[in-house]
Protein backbone atom coordinates (compact mmCIF):
# COMPACT_ATOMS: atom_id res chain seq x y z
CA MET A 1 -69.35 -64.84 8.44
CA ASN A 2 -71.66 -63.38 11.06
CA HIS A 3 -73.14 -66.26 13.05
CA SER A 4 -76.21 -64.30 14.21
CA GLN A 5 -77.05 -63.34 10.64
CA LEU A 6 -76.68 -66.93 9.49
CA ARG A 7 -78.92 -68.16 12.32
CA ALA A 8 -81.48 -65.50 11.44
CA PHE A 9 -81.53 -66.68 7.82
CA HIS A 10 -81.78 -70.33 8.88
CA ARG A 11 -84.71 -69.75 11.18
CA VAL A 12 -86.65 -67.64 8.68
CA ALA A 13 -86.02 -70.22 5.94
CA SER A 14 -87.06 -73.10 8.21
CA GLU A 15 -90.19 -71.36 9.50
CA GLY A 16 -91.14 -69.81 6.16
CA SER A 17 -92.06 -66.63 7.99
CA PHE A 18 -90.25 -63.68 9.57
CA THR A 19 -92.96 -63.46 12.22
CA ARG A 20 -92.69 -67.10 13.34
CA ALA A 21 -88.90 -66.99 13.18
CA ALA A 22 -88.75 -63.86 15.35
CA ARG A 23 -91.05 -65.50 17.88
CA ALA A 24 -88.92 -68.66 17.93
CA LEU A 25 -85.68 -66.71 18.41
CA ARG A 26 -87.30 -64.30 20.87
CA VAL A 27 -86.21 -61.19 19.00
CA SER A 28 -88.21 -58.43 17.37
CA GLN A 29 -89.19 -58.84 13.74
CA PRO A 30 -87.35 -55.63 12.68
CA THR A 31 -84.17 -56.97 14.30
CA LEU A 32 -84.51 -60.28 12.48
CA SER A 33 -85.24 -58.58 9.16
CA ALA A 34 -82.19 -56.36 9.60
CA GLN A 35 -79.96 -59.38 10.25
CA VAL A 36 -81.13 -61.17 7.11
CA LYS A 37 -80.80 -57.99 5.04
CA ALA A 38 -77.27 -57.44 6.35
CA LEU A 39 -76.30 -60.99 5.35
CA GLU A 40 -77.65 -60.45 1.84
CA GLU A 41 -75.96 -57.08 1.45
CA SER A 42 -72.59 -58.22 2.76
CA PHE A 43 -72.37 -60.81 -0.04
CA GLY A 44 -74.42 -58.93 -2.64
CA VAL A 45 -77.00 -61.71 -2.98
CA ARG A 46 -80.73 -62.27 -2.62
CA LEU A 47 -81.78 -65.18 -0.42
CA PHE A 48 -85.55 -64.56 -0.32
CA ASP A 49 -88.12 -63.37 -2.83
CA ARG A 50 -90.45 -61.07 -0.91
CA ARG A 51 -94.02 -60.80 -2.17
CA GLY A 52 -95.94 -58.63 0.23
CA ARG A 53 -96.13 -60.59 3.47
CA ARG A 54 -95.16 -63.83 1.76
CA ILE A 55 -91.59 -64.99 1.23
CA ALA A 56 -89.97 -67.74 -0.82
CA LEU A 57 -86.40 -68.96 -0.94
CA THR A 58 -84.40 -68.16 -4.05
CA PRO A 59 -82.39 -71.06 -5.57
CA LEU A 60 -79.33 -69.70 -3.75
CA GLY A 61 -81.33 -69.53 -0.53
CA GLN A 62 -82.37 -73.18 -0.94
CA ASP A 63 -78.73 -74.21 -1.35
CA LEU A 64 -77.71 -72.20 1.72
CA LEU A 65 -80.51 -73.76 3.79
CA ALA A 66 -79.18 -77.25 3.01
CA ILE A 67 -75.84 -76.15 4.49
CA THR A 68 -77.24 -74.34 7.53
CA GLU A 69 -79.33 -77.39 8.43
CA GLN A 70 -76.10 -79.32 8.85
CA ILE A 71 -74.37 -76.47 10.69
CA PHE A 72 -77.08 -76.04 13.31
CA ALA A 73 -77.63 -79.78 13.72
CA LEU A 74 -73.96 -80.10 14.63
CA GLU A 75 -74.25 -77.07 16.91
CA GLU A 76 -77.16 -78.75 18.69
CA GLU A 77 -75.05 -81.88 19.17
CA ALA A 78 -72.16 -79.81 20.54
CA GLU A 79 -74.49 -78.07 22.99
CA ALA A 80 -75.82 -81.44 24.17
CA LEU A 81 -72.27 -82.69 24.68
CA LEU A 82 -71.14 -79.61 26.61
CA ALA A 83 -74.29 -79.67 28.74
CA GLY A 84 -73.52 -83.26 29.66
CA ILE A 85 -76.74 -84.61 28.12
CA ARG A 86 -75.32 -87.95 27.01
CA ASP A 87 -77.89 -90.04 28.89
CA PRO A 88 -81.19 -90.13 26.93
CA ALA A 89 -83.04 -90.50 30.23
CA ARG A 90 -82.26 -86.86 30.98
CA GLY A 91 -83.61 -85.47 27.73
CA ALA A 92 -86.73 -85.19 25.61
CA LEU A 93 -87.80 -86.70 22.32
CA THR A 94 -90.62 -85.69 19.99
CA ILE A 95 -92.00 -88.38 17.70
CA GLY A 96 -94.14 -87.66 14.67
CA ALA A 97 -96.26 -90.49 13.26
CA ASP A 98 -98.79 -91.25 10.58
CA SER A 99 -99.66 -94.50 12.37
CA PRO A 100 -100.40 -94.31 16.12
CA HIS A 101 -100.23 -98.10 16.45
CA HIS A 102 -96.68 -98.49 15.17
CA ALA A 103 -95.58 -95.37 17.04
CA MET A 104 -96.82 -96.92 20.30
CA THR A 105 -94.60 -99.94 19.69
CA LEU A 106 -91.59 -97.64 19.47
CA LEU A 107 -92.73 -95.68 22.53
CA ALA A 108 -93.08 -98.86 24.59
CA GLY A 109 -89.54 -99.85 23.67
CA LEU A 110 -88.20 -96.42 24.60
CA LYS A 111 -90.01 -96.45 27.93
CA ALA A 112 -88.64 -99.91 28.73
CA GLY A 113 -85.06 -98.99 27.93
CA HIS A 114 -85.01 -95.27 28.73
CA GLY A 115 -87.65 -94.75 31.39
CA GLY A 116 -86.59 -91.23 32.27
CA LEU A 117 -86.85 -89.95 28.73
CA THR A 118 -89.61 -87.35 28.26
CA LEU A 119 -91.66 -88.34 25.21
CA SER A 120 -94.21 -86.47 23.15
CA VAL A 121 -96.09 -87.62 20.06
CA SER A 122 -97.84 -85.81 17.24
CA VAL A 123 -99.98 -87.60 14.65
CA GLY A 124 -100.64 -86.42 11.12
CA SER A 125 -100.51 -87.41 7.47
CA ALA A 126 -97.30 -88.91 6.10
CA ALA A 127 -96.59 -85.70 4.18
CA SER A 128 -97.09 -83.43 7.19
CA VAL A 129 -95.00 -85.63 9.49
CA LEU A 130 -92.13 -85.72 6.99
CA ARG A 131 -92.35 -81.93 6.70
CA ASP A 132 -92.23 -81.62 10.51
CA LEU A 133 -89.15 -83.85 10.61
CA ARG A 134 -87.32 -81.76 8.06
CA ASP A 135 -88.40 -78.54 9.76
CA TYR A 136 -87.09 -79.80 13.14
CA ARG A 137 -90.57 -79.85 14.70
CA CYS A 138 -90.11 -83.53 15.54
CA ASP A 139 -86.94 -85.54 16.19
CA VAL A 140 -87.96 -88.95 14.88
CA ALA A 141 -90.80 -90.05 12.61
CA VAL A 142 -92.72 -93.30 12.14
CA LEU A 143 -93.71 -93.20 8.48
CA SER A 144 -95.30 -95.37 5.83
CA ASN A 145 -93.28 -95.80 2.64
CA PRO A 146 -90.75 -93.04 3.43
CA PRO A 147 -88.89 -91.69 0.40
CA GLU A 148 -85.29 -92.76 -0.16
CA ALA A 149 -83.43 -89.48 0.26
CA PRO A 150 -79.85 -88.60 1.21
CA ASP A 151 -80.97 -86.42 4.13
CA LEU A 152 -82.88 -89.28 5.81
CA LYS A 153 -81.73 -92.19 7.96
CA ILE A 154 -84.31 -94.99 7.57
CA VAL A 155 -84.75 -98.08 9.74
CA PRO A 156 -87.33 -100.55 8.32
CA PHE A 157 -89.73 -101.31 11.18
CA ARG A 158 -92.99 -103.03 10.27
CA ARG A 159 -95.17 -104.17 7.39
CA ASP A 160 -98.92 -103.66 7.41
CA ARG A 161 -101.74 -104.37 4.99
CA LEU A 162 -105.18 -103.09 4.25
CA VAL A 163 -108.20 -105.17 5.25
CA ALA A 164 -111.93 -104.65 4.88
CA ILE A 165 -114.05 -104.33 8.00
CA VAL A 166 -117.73 -105.24 8.15
CA PRO A 167 -120.33 -105.59 10.91
CA VAL A 168 -120.69 -109.02 12.47
CA GLY A 169 -123.51 -110.69 10.55
CA ASP A 170 -122.60 -109.05 7.25
CA GLN A 171 -122.92 -111.40 4.29
CA ALA A 172 -119.29 -110.89 3.17
CA GLU A 173 -117.40 -114.17 2.95
CA GLU A 174 -115.06 -115.19 5.73
CA GLY A 175 -112.22 -115.77 3.23
CA PRO A 176 -110.47 -113.12 1.12
CA VAL A 177 -112.79 -110.92 -0.90
CA PRO A 178 -111.55 -109.86 -4.37
CA LEU A 179 -110.74 -106.17 -4.68
CA SER A 180 -113.11 -105.91 -7.64
CA LEU A 181 -116.04 -107.11 -5.52
CA LEU A 182 -115.05 -104.92 -2.57
CA LEU A 183 -115.18 -101.81 -4.75
CA GLU A 184 -118.75 -102.64 -5.74
CA ARG A 185 -119.87 -102.30 -2.12
CA PRO A 186 -120.70 -98.94 -0.44
CA LEU A 187 -117.16 -98.04 0.55
CA ILE A 188 -116.19 -95.97 3.62
CA ILE A 189 -112.65 -94.68 3.23
CA ARG A 190 -110.22 -92.13 4.63
CA GLU A 191 -109.85 -88.72 3.00
CA ALA A 192 -107.75 -88.03 -0.10
CA GLY A 193 -104.07 -87.79 0.81
CA SER A 194 -104.22 -90.46 3.52
CA VAL A 195 -102.03 -93.54 3.09
CA THR A 196 -105.08 -95.82 3.26
CA ARG A 197 -106.77 -93.94 0.42
CA ASP A 198 -103.60 -93.71 -1.69
CA VAL A 199 -102.82 -97.43 -1.47
CA LEU A 200 -106.34 -98.52 -2.32
CA GLU A 201 -106.79 -95.96 -5.09
CA THR A 202 -103.45 -96.90 -6.68
CA ALA A 203 -104.34 -100.60 -6.64
CA ALA A 204 -107.72 -99.90 -8.24
CA ALA A 205 -106.19 -97.71 -10.95
CA ALA A 206 -103.57 -100.36 -11.78
CA ARG A 207 -106.38 -102.84 -12.42
CA ARG A 208 -108.61 -100.32 -14.17
CA LEU A 209 -111.28 -100.73 -11.53
CA THR A 210 -113.77 -98.00 -10.70
CA PHE A 211 -112.99 -96.34 -7.41
CA ARG A 212 -115.97 -94.39 -6.12
CA PRO A 213 -116.25 -94.28 -2.30
CA SER A 214 -119.69 -93.72 -0.88
CA MET A 215 -118.30 -91.87 2.15
CA GLU A 216 -115.02 -90.12 3.03
CA ILE A 217 -114.13 -89.79 6.71
CA GLY A 218 -111.16 -88.05 8.30
CA SER A 219 -110.22 -90.52 11.05
CA ARG A 220 -109.77 -94.25 11.59
CA GLU A 221 -112.12 -94.19 14.57
CA ALA A 222 -114.89 -92.55 12.56
CA VAL A 223 -114.52 -95.16 9.81
CA ARG A 224 -115.05 -97.89 12.39
CA GLU A 225 -118.10 -96.13 13.84
CA ALA A 226 -119.64 -95.69 10.38
CA VAL A 227 -119.17 -99.38 9.62
CA ALA A 228 -120.66 -100.36 12.97
CA ALA A 229 -123.69 -98.17 12.12
CA GLY A 230 -124.24 -100.20 8.94
CA LEU A 231 -123.30 -97.41 6.52
CA GLY A 232 -120.99 -99.55 4.40
CA VAL A 233 -117.73 -101.48 4.25
CA GLY A 234 -114.63 -99.84 5.72
CA VAL A 235 -110.98 -100.23 4.81
CA VAL A 236 -108.24 -99.84 7.43
CA PHE A 237 -104.79 -101.19 8.10
CA GLU A 238 -104.85 -104.54 9.88
CA SER A 239 -102.93 -103.13 12.85
CA GLU A 240 -105.72 -100.59 13.36
CA PHE A 241 -108.53 -103.14 13.59
CA GLY A 242 -108.05 -103.72 17.30
CA ARG A 243 -110.75 -105.55 19.21
CA ASP A 244 -114.39 -104.88 18.51
CA ALA A 245 -117.04 -107.51 19.16
CA GLY A 246 -119.36 -105.83 16.67
CA LEU A 247 -116.95 -105.85 13.73
CA ARG A 248 -114.90 -108.40 11.85
CA LYS A 249 -112.09 -108.05 9.35
CA VAL A 250 -111.96 -109.58 5.89
CA LYS A 251 -108.78 -110.03 3.87
CA ILE A 252 -108.67 -108.46 0.41
CA ALA A 253 -107.45 -110.53 -2.55
CA GLY A 254 -106.32 -109.56 -6.03
CA ALA A 255 -103.88 -106.78 -5.09
CA ASP A 256 -100.78 -106.17 -3.01
CA LEU A 257 -102.08 -103.81 -0.34
CA THR A 258 -99.09 -103.95 1.99
CA VAL A 259 -97.21 -100.90 3.22
CA ARG A 260 -93.72 -100.63 4.69
CA TYR A 261 -93.39 -98.62 7.90
CA ALA A 262 -90.04 -97.24 8.99
CA VAL A 263 -88.54 -95.16 11.78
CA VAL A 264 -86.85 -92.14 10.26
CA CYS A 265 -84.59 -89.32 11.41
CA LEU A 266 -82.52 -86.68 9.67
CA GLU A 267 -79.11 -88.01 8.72
CA ALA A 268 -77.53 -84.79 10.03
CA ARG A 269 -79.08 -85.31 13.50
CA ARG A 270 -78.71 -89.04 14.02
CA ARG A 271 -75.70 -88.63 16.33
CA LEU A 272 -77.72 -86.71 18.93
CA ALA A 273 -78.05 -88.86 22.03
CA ASN A 274 -81.85 -89.08 22.20
CA ILE A 275 -82.29 -89.61 18.48
CA ARG A 276 -79.56 -92.24 18.48
CA ALA A 277 -81.38 -94.02 21.33
CA ALA A 278 -84.67 -94.03 19.38
CA MET A 279 -83.04 -95.39 16.24
CA THR A 280 -81.27 -98.12 18.24
CA VAL A 281 -84.56 -99.16 19.86
CA ALA A 282 -86.17 -99.23 16.40
CA GLU A 283 -83.42 -101.51 15.10
CA ASP A 284 -83.86 -103.83 18.10
CA LEU A 285 -87.64 -104.03 17.70
CA ALA A 286 -87.71 -104.17 13.89
CA ASP A 287 -89.61 -107.02 12.30
CA PRO A 288 -87.19 -108.90 9.98
CA ALA A 289 -90.00 -109.12 7.42
CA ALA A 290 -90.07 -105.31 7.16
CA THR A 291 -86.83 -105.11 5.16
């Protein structure tokens, strides 16, 4: 089997685009297209459905991608070994996270134990971070409620829970406020698709409670600012509350609003030195209550 043709297929399948794949491999798009076409013709198969400028993997292409992911992960490990990069302090690590707070805990541990390691962090939704992990755009992910899947190595890390936040002086009780009463207040919540929104909406639906936010905001910081401005009651994870003299947090009763956070990597890449270091740090720092 022609290795260059297989790599061309793998990159196009991973990127979902001939243009992006050609840029990543630093070859011309016609050259890349010719390599993929040659692979298909040599075996008499079709790996992509081409619809104008859009492409989609055929079922056979999806099966081949699952194999090439393992092949090139092992190749990456072999390259690291031959280059002598066995010390994580000499390498780089990209972390994707849907929770900056819990990611910073992992980063602090990595800095303490592997001070020379070059770290970078990207923050997004749980779905986008998981996609980045599987597409090799990040090495390790800090995710809420990651799916149990054979291609993932999961280390339980932290538990977190949703709390209400109100301005100091608000009439909300100091003790837990029932979810039913919370949902009657003008509610400031993250956008659809966020973990915060999903957890709260699921809990409301399970109890047949009306869920009708008065305001949707796309960041945790903006939720806090809106609450401070007196626009309503916010809902955030307790770890995100931080310190703010103008706000106070209120526990929510009547529903389990906890979320499990984990540090995740691809099973096929967990032997790489830097990824192995991150997963070991995660195991050392894991809260026993997170399991």
